[in-house]
């Protein structure tokens, strides 16, 4: 009788372990899929990207919480403006503005089918605090624009991608958002 009791106890214990593993393997991913990956943002309110940098998102933009990572010395934010992807990346950087622009161009061109096109132009934030360089790129079925600024010992990379009609329709709002970037420094 003692052997059957041990077998039953071991079987129940094993069953509980299998149940817990099943919940972890299937339940957590199902819960994750059921949660919304985007979050609406209030219009006109600066968003803290990280590293002392803020940006006012375009009106109606959604925050992709799965691609957003703010921290004290760096940060990444991805806004969705309809089907347009608008990303701002802040990271430590040593070097000049041409070096930062070259790094961003290489990052863009490293994606299969992407290429930087046209000439770069100077760009400034609305308050004139940050000066940068901006340009364009093409990708299969999409177009894009980029900008890069230096703030203290950080680079601020901006990339925007969508189809040409989408980009044309949202250009003013995204340009205004890019010009709203500010650097307050780090405490």
Protein backbone atom coordinates (compact mmCIF):
# COMPACT_ATOMS: atom_id res chain seq x y z
CA UNK A 1 0.00 0.00 0.00
CA UNK A 2 2.86 2.41 0.76
CA UNK A 3 4.28 1.97 -2.73
CA UNK A 4 0.93 2.91 -4.37
CA UNK A 5 0.66 5.97 -2.19
CA UNK A 6 4.15 7.11 -3.23
CA UNK A 7 3.35 6.47 -6.90
CA UNK A 8 0.11 8.44 -6.59
CA UNK A 9 1.88 11.31 -4.80
CA UNK A 10 4.67 11.35 -7.42
CA UNK A 11 2.11 11.23 -10.24
CA UNK A 12 0.14 14.13 -8.77
CA UNK A 13 3.33 16.10 -8.23
CA UNK A 14 4.41 15.44 -11.82
CA UNK A 15 0.95 16.44 -13.06
CA UNK A 16 1.17 19.75 -11.19
CA UNK A 17 4.61 20.42 -12.70
CA UNK A 18 3.29 19.66 -16.21
CA UNK A 19 0.31 21.97 -15.59
CA UNK A 20 2.57 24.81 -14.41
CA UNK A 21 4.89 24.34 -17.40
CA UNK A 22 1.88 24.33 -19.74
CA UNK A 23 0.63 27.59 -18.23
CA UNK A 24 4.07 29.14 -18.64
CA UNK A 25 4.49 27.86 -22.20
CA UNK A 26 1.02 28.67 -23.51
CA UNK A 27 -0.70 30.94 -21.00
CA UNK A 28 1.90 33.70 -20.72
CA UNK A 29 2.35 34.13 -24.51
CA UNK A 30 -1.44 34.20 -24.94
CA UNK A 31 -1.70 36.86 -22.24
CA UNK A 32 1.11 38.84 -23.86
CA UNK A 33 -0.64 38.72 -27.26
CA UNK A 34 -3.86 39.92 -25.68
CA UNK A 35 -2.21 43.09 -24.31
CA UNK A 36 -2.11 46.12 -26.60
CA UNK A 37 1.41 46.95 -27.79
CA UNK A 38 0.55 50.59 -28.46
CA UNK A 39 -0.45 53.41 -26.19
CA UNK A 40 -2.16 56.69 -27.10
CA UNK A 41 -0.29 59.84 -26.12
CA UNK A 42 -1.67 63.24 -25.20
CA UNK A 43 -1.13 65.80 -27.96
CA UNK A 44 1.46 68.52 -27.34
CA UNK A 45 3.08 66.92 -24.29
CA UNK A 46 6.87 66.30 -24.42
CA UNK A 47 7.88 62.65 -24.19
CA UNK A 48 11.11 61.79 -22.31
CA UNK A 49 13.13 59.62 -24.69
CA UNK A 50 16.07 59.17 -22.30
CA UNK A 51 19.49 60.66 -21.78
CA UNK A 52 17.98 64.08 -21.05
CA UNK A 53 16.23 64.29 -24.45
CA UNK A 54 12.53 65.03 -24.96
CA UNK A 55 10.37 65.23 -28.09
CA UNK A 56 6.78 66.28 -28.68
CA UNK A 57 5.18 63.44 -30.68
CA UNK A 58 3.10 64.28 -33.75
CA UNK A 59 -0.62 64.72 -33.00
CA UNK A 60 -2.40 61.37 -32.86
CA UNK A 61 0.83 59.37 -32.64
CA UNK A 62 0.80 56.06 -30.81
CA UNK A 63 3.68 54.85 -28.66
CA UNK A 64 4.91 51.33 -29.48
CA UNK A 65 5.66 50.10 -25.97
CA UNK A 66 7.49 47.01 -27.27
CA UNK A 67 10.19 49.15 -28.96
CA UNK A 68 10.50 51.93 -26.37
CA UNK A 69 13.32 51.85 -23.82
CA UNK A 70 14.05 55.04 -21.84
CA UNK A 71 16.94 55.25 -19.37
CA UNK A 72 19.19 57.83 -17.73
CA UNK A 73 21.98 57.88 -20.34
CA UNK A 74 20.22 56.59 -23.48
CA UNK A 75 16.81 55.80 -24.82
CA UNK A 76 14.75 54.59 -27.74
CA UNK A 77 11.18 55.51 -28.62
CA UNK A 78 9.04 54.34 -31.54
CA UNK A 79 5.99 56.35 -32.50
CA UNK A 80 3.43 55.10 -34.99
CA UNK A 81 1.81 57.85 -37.02
CA UNK A 82 -0.75 55.78 -38.89
CA UNK A 83 1.41 53.32 -40.85
CA UNK A 84 4.54 55.50 -40.51
CA UNK A 85 7.30 54.43 -38.14
CA UNK A 86 8.99 57.38 -36.42
CA UNK A 87 11.92 56.45 -34.16
CA UNK A 88 14.19 58.55 -31.94
CA UNK A 89 17.31 56.93 -30.51
CA UNK A 90 19.58 58.63 -27.95
CA UNK A 91 22.93 57.08 -27.11
CA UNK A 92 26.37 58.02 -25.83
CA UNK A 93 28.62 59.20 -28.66
CA UNK A 94 32.14 60.50 -29.03
CA UNK A 95 32.94 62.39 -32.19
CA UNK A 96 31.62 65.17 -34.35
CA UNK A 97 28.39 65.63 -36.24
CA UNK A 98 29.80 64.26 -39.52
CA UNK A 99 30.84 61.10 -37.63
CA UNK A 100 27.36 60.72 -36.12
CA UNK A 101 25.73 61.20 -39.55
CA UNK A 102 28.09 58.65 -41.09
CA UNK A 103 27.25 56.15 -38.35
CA UNK A 104 23.51 56.58 -38.94
CA UNK A 105 23.90 56.30 -42.74
CA UNK A 106 25.85 53.05 -42.28
CA UNK A 107 23.18 51.73 -39.90
CA UNK A 108 20.47 52.47 -42.47
CA UNK A 109 22.44 50.97 -45.37
CA UNK A 110 23.13 47.81 -43.34
CA UNK A 111 19.47 46.83 -43.77
CA UNK A 112 18.90 44.69 -46.84
CA UNK A 113 17.62 46.77 -49.76
CA UNK A 114 18.02 50.12 -47.96
CA UNK A 115 20.14 52.89 -49.43
CA UNK A 116 20.79 56.49 -48.55
CA UNK A 117 19.72 58.81 -51.36
CA UNK A 118 20.12 62.50 -52.16
CA UNK A 119 22.13 65.09 -50.32
CA UNK A 120 22.24 65.85 -46.64
CA UNK A 121 21.11 69.25 -45.43
CA UNK A 122 21.52 71.16 -42.21
CA UNK A 123 18.66 71.02 -39.74
CA UNK A 124 18.03 72.78 -36.42
CA UNK A 125 15.58 72.29 -33.61
CA UNK A 126 12.90 74.97 -33.15
CA UNK A 127 14.73 76.55 -30.21
CA UNK A 128 18.02 76.56 -32.15
CA UNK A 129 19.69 74.60 -29.34
CA UNK A 130 20.57 71.61 -31.50
CA UNK A 131 22.07 71.61 -34.98
CA UNK A 132 22.13 68.50 -37.10
CA UNK A 133 22.16 66.89 -40.50
CA UNK A 134 19.20 65.36 -42.34
CA UNK A 135 18.78 63.23 -45.44
CA UNK A 136 16.67 60.59 -47.11
CA UNK A 137 16.77 56.89 -47.85
CA UNK A 138 14.85 54.35 -49.87
CA UNK A 139 13.84 50.81 -49.07
CA UNK A 140 11.78 48.18 -50.88
CA UNK A 141 8.27 49.67 -51.12
CA UNK A 142 9.09 52.42 -48.62
CA UNK A 143 10.88 55.69 -48.36
CA UNK A 144 12.44 57.33 -45.41
CA UNK A 145 14.10 60.30 -43.88
CA UNK A 146 16.69 60.62 -41.18
CA UNK A 147 18.22 63.30 -39.00
CA UNK A 148 21.01 63.27 -36.47
CA UNK A 149 21.90 65.79 -33.76
CA UNK A 150 24.61 65.94 -31.10
CA UNK A 151 23.72 66.94 -27.54
CA UNK A 152 26.48 66.89 -25.00
CA UNK A 153 28.12 63.50 -25.34
CA UNK A 154 25.08 61.92 -26.98
CA UNK A 155 23.82 61.45 -30.48
CA UNK A 156 20.14 61.78 -31.26
CA UNK A 157 19.13 59.72 -34.30
CA UNK A 158 15.75 60.21 -35.94
CA UNK A 159 14.44 57.84 -38.61
CA UNK A 160 11.07 57.99 -40.32
CA UNK A 161 9.76 55.40 -42.79
CA UNK A 162 6.60 54.86 -44.79
CA UNK A 163 5.35 54.93 -48.35
CA UNK A 164 5.84 58.17 -50.27
CA UNK A 165 2.14 59.19 -50.08
CA UNK A 166 2.07 58.47 -46.32
CA UNK A 167 5.25 60.45 -45.72
CA UNK A 168 3.99 63.38 -47.80
CA UNK A 169 0.73 63.50 -45.84
CA UNK A 170 2.45 63.46 -42.44
CA UNK A 171 5.58 65.44 -43.30
CA UNK A 172 4.65 68.72 -41.60
CA UNK A 173 3.63 67.04 -38.33
CA UNK A 174 6.73 64.84 -38.22
CA UNK A 175 9.04 67.73 -39.14
CA UNK A 176 7.50 69.82 -36.34
CA UNK A 177 8.01 66.92 -33.93
CA UNK A 178 11.65 66.51 -34.97
CA UNK A 179 12.23 70.25 -34.49
CA UNK A 180 10.69 69.95 -30.98
CA UNK A 181 13.57 67.79 -29.74
CA UNK A 182 15.23 69.33 -26.71
CA UNK A 183 18.19 68.37 -24.55
CA UNK A 184 18.00 69.38 -20.91
CA UNK A 185 21.18 67.61 -19.90
CA UNK A 186 21.43 64.93 -17.29
CA UNK A 187 21.26 65.35 -13.56
